[in-house]
N, C-alpha and C. Protein backbone atom coordinates (compact mmCIF):
# COMPACT_ATOMS: atom_id res chain seq x y z
N MET A 1 0.84 -1.18 0.00
CA MET A 1 0.00 0.00 0.00
C MET A 1 0.89 1.24 0.00
N ILE A 2 0.59 2.16 -0.86
CA ILE A 2 1.36 3.39 -0.96
C ILE A 2 0.63 4.48 -0.18
N ALA A 3 1.36 5.16 0.71
CA ALA A 3 0.76 6.23 1.52
C ALA A 3 0.65 7.50 0.68
N THR A 4 -0.47 8.18 0.83
CA THR A 4 -0.64 9.45 0.11
C THR A 4 0.12 10.54 0.84
N LEU A 5 0.30 11.67 0.19
CA LEU A 5 1.02 12.78 0.79
C LEU A 5 0.30 13.28 2.03
N GLU A 6 -1.02 13.28 2.01
CA GLU A 6 -1.80 13.74 3.17
C GLU A 6 -1.57 12.83 4.38
N GLU A 7 -1.51 11.53 4.17
CA GLU A 7 -1.27 10.60 5.26
C GLU A 7 0.12 10.78 5.86
N MET A 8 1.07 11.12 5.04
CA MET A 8 2.44 11.29 5.50
C MET A 8 2.62 12.56 6.30
N ARG A 9 1.72 13.54 6.21
CA ARG A 9 1.90 14.83 6.86
C ARG A 9 1.08 14.97 8.14
N MET A 10 0.54 13.89 8.66
CA MET A 10 -0.27 13.96 9.86
C MET A 10 0.62 14.07 11.10
N PRO A 11 0.16 14.81 12.10
CA PRO A 11 0.93 14.91 13.34
C PRO A 11 0.90 13.58 14.11
N VAL A 12 1.89 13.41 14.97
CA VAL A 12 1.98 12.22 15.81
C VAL A 12 2.10 12.68 17.26
N LEU A 13 1.27 12.12 18.11
CA LEU A 13 1.33 12.39 19.54
C LEU A 13 2.09 11.24 20.19
N VAL A 14 3.18 11.57 20.88
CA VAL A 14 4.04 10.55 21.48
C VAL A 14 3.80 10.56 22.99
N ARG A 15 3.52 9.40 23.54
CA ARG A 15 3.33 9.25 24.99
C ARG A 15 4.39 8.30 25.51
N ARG A 16 5.18 8.77 26.48
CA ARG A 16 6.20 7.94 27.11
C ARG A 16 5.80 7.73 28.57
N TYR A 17 5.88 6.48 29.02
CA TYR A 17 5.48 6.16 30.38
C TYR A 17 6.24 4.93 30.86
N LYS A 18 6.22 4.73 32.19
CA LYS A 18 6.88 3.57 32.76
C LYS A 18 5.84 2.62 33.32
N LEU A 19 6.07 1.35 33.09
CA LEU A 19 5.22 0.31 33.65
C LEU A 19 5.56 0.11 35.13
N VAL A 20 4.73 -0.60 35.84
CA VAL A 20 4.97 -0.88 37.25
C VAL A 20 6.30 -1.61 37.43
N SER A 21 6.67 -2.41 36.49
CA SER A 21 7.94 -3.15 36.55
C SER A 21 9.16 -2.25 36.32
N GLY A 22 8.93 -0.99 35.92
CA GLY A 22 10.03 -0.06 35.67
C GLY A 22 10.43 0.02 34.21
N LEU A 23 9.84 -0.80 33.38
CA LEU A 23 10.14 -0.81 31.95
C LEU A 23 9.51 0.41 31.28
N ALA A 24 10.29 1.16 30.53
CA ALA A 24 9.78 2.35 29.84
C ALA A 24 9.10 1.94 28.53
N GLN A 25 7.97 2.56 28.26
CA GLN A 25 7.21 2.29 27.03
C GLN A 25 7.00 3.59 26.27
N GLU A 26 6.82 3.48 24.97
CA GLU A 26 6.50 4.64 24.13
C GLU A 26 5.35 4.26 23.22
N GLU A 27 4.34 5.12 23.18
CA GLU A 27 3.19 4.90 22.31
C GLU A 27 3.13 6.06 21.32
N ARG A 28 3.06 5.74 20.05
CA ARG A 28 2.98 6.76 19.00
C ARG A 28 1.56 6.75 18.45
N ILE A 29 0.85 7.84 18.66
CA ILE A 29 -0.56 7.94 18.28
C ILE A 29 -0.65 8.81 17.03
N ASP A 30 -1.12 8.23 15.92
CA ASP A 30 -1.22 8.98 14.68
C ASP A 30 -2.65 9.10 14.17
N ASP A 31 -3.59 8.50 14.88
CA ASP A 31 -5.00 8.59 14.52
C ASP A 31 -5.54 9.94 15.00
N GLN A 32 -6.02 10.77 14.09
CA GLN A 32 -6.45 12.13 14.44
C GLN A 32 -7.57 12.15 15.47
N ASP A 33 -8.48 11.19 15.42
CA ASP A 33 -9.56 11.12 16.41
C ASP A 33 -9.01 10.89 17.81
N ARG A 34 -8.05 10.00 17.94
CA ARG A 34 -7.45 9.73 19.25
C ARG A 34 -6.65 10.92 19.74
N ILE A 35 -5.93 11.60 18.84
CA ILE A 35 -5.17 12.79 19.22
C ILE A 35 -6.12 13.85 19.76
N ASP A 36 -7.24 14.07 19.06
CA ASP A 36 -8.22 15.06 19.52
C ASP A 36 -8.78 14.71 20.89
N ARG A 37 -9.03 13.43 21.13
CA ARG A 37 -9.54 12.99 22.44
C ARG A 37 -8.54 13.25 23.54
N TYR A 38 -7.27 12.92 23.29
CA TYR A 38 -6.24 13.14 24.30
C TYR A 38 -6.00 14.62 24.57
N MET A 39 -6.16 15.46 23.57
CA MET A 39 -5.90 16.90 23.74
C MET A 39 -6.85 17.53 24.76
N ARG A 40 -8.00 16.92 24.98
CA ARG A 40 -8.94 17.45 25.97
C ARG A 40 -8.42 17.35 27.40
N PHE A 41 -7.42 16.49 27.64
CA PHE A 41 -6.89 16.31 28.98
C PHE A 41 -5.96 17.45 29.41
N PHE A 42 -5.44 18.20 28.47
CA PHE A 42 -4.42 19.19 28.77
C PHE A 42 -5.01 20.58 29.02
N SER A 43 -4.31 21.36 29.86
CA SER A 43 -4.72 22.74 30.11
C SER A 43 -4.30 23.59 28.91
N ARG A 44 -4.74 24.83 28.89
CA ARG A 44 -4.38 25.72 27.77
C ARG A 44 -2.88 25.94 27.69
N GLU A 45 -2.24 26.10 28.84
CA GLU A 45 -0.78 26.32 28.84
C GLU A 45 -0.06 25.10 28.29
N GLN A 46 -0.54 23.91 28.67
CA GLN A 46 0.08 22.69 28.17
C GLN A 46 -0.16 22.51 26.67
N LEU A 47 -1.34 22.90 26.19
CA LEU A 47 -1.63 22.81 24.75
C LEU A 47 -0.70 23.70 23.94
N VAL A 48 -0.43 24.91 24.46
CA VAL A 48 0.47 25.82 23.76
C VAL A 48 1.86 25.19 23.65
N LYS A 49 2.32 24.57 24.75
CA LYS A 49 3.63 23.91 24.72
C LYS A 49 3.64 22.73 23.74
N LEU A 50 2.58 21.94 23.77
CA LEU A 50 2.50 20.79 22.85
C LEU A 50 2.53 21.24 21.40
N GLU A 51 1.76 22.27 21.08
CA GLU A 51 1.71 22.75 19.70
C GLU A 51 3.04 23.34 19.25
N ALA A 52 3.87 23.77 20.22
CA ALA A 52 5.20 24.28 19.90
C ALA A 52 6.22 23.15 19.80
N GLY A 53 5.77 21.90 20.05
CA GLY A 53 6.68 20.76 19.94
C GLY A 53 7.42 20.44 21.23
N GLN A 54 7.08 21.11 22.33
CA GLN A 54 7.75 20.86 23.60
C GLN A 54 7.14 19.67 24.31
N LYS A 55 7.90 19.11 25.25
CA LYS A 55 7.41 17.99 26.04
C LYS A 55 6.56 18.51 27.19
N VAL A 56 5.50 17.79 27.50
CA VAL A 56 4.58 18.15 28.57
C VAL A 56 4.38 16.92 29.44
N PHE A 57 4.32 17.12 30.76
CA PHE A 57 4.09 16.02 31.68
C PHE A 57 2.67 16.11 32.24
N LEU A 58 1.96 15.01 32.17
CA LEU A 58 0.61 14.90 32.71
C LEU A 58 0.61 13.64 33.57
N GLU A 59 0.39 13.86 34.88
CA GLU A 59 0.57 12.77 35.84
C GLU A 59 2.03 12.33 35.72
N LYS A 60 2.29 11.07 35.45
CA LYS A 60 3.67 10.59 35.32
C LYS A 60 4.07 10.35 33.87
N ASP A 61 3.18 10.66 32.95
CA ASP A 61 3.44 10.42 31.53
C ASP A 61 4.03 11.65 30.86
N GLU A 62 4.93 11.42 29.93
CA GLU A 62 5.53 12.49 29.13
C GLU A 62 4.88 12.47 27.76
N TRP A 63 4.39 13.62 27.30
CA TRP A 63 3.70 13.73 26.03
C TRP A 63 4.44 14.71 25.13
N GLN A 64 4.43 14.46 23.84
CA GLN A 64 5.02 15.39 22.87
C GLN A 64 4.26 15.26 21.56
N LEU A 65 3.90 16.40 20.99
CA LEU A 65 3.23 16.43 19.70
C LEU A 65 4.26 16.75 18.63
N ILE A 66 4.43 15.84 17.70
CA ILE A 66 5.36 16.05 16.59
C ILE A 66 4.54 16.52 15.41
N PRO A 67 4.72 17.79 15.00
CA PRO A 67 3.88 18.33 13.92
C PRO A 67 4.13 17.63 12.59
N ASP A 68 3.22 17.87 11.66
CA ASP A 68 3.32 17.25 10.34
C ASP A 68 4.45 17.81 9.53
């Protein structure tokens, strides 16, 4: 399957977290519906940082939005 140019330019929301065992995990979210749902969790200040590409911490998870 060949990806279209539009699919290649979508933002990716990266979530880094640690499991109870101490193992670090990374989840890369590229589905726009899921990104929109997660964005509701952040305050306005955190959203500004995310949109600028900076890392934001929510609870113990590290989040970063990688623009298209």
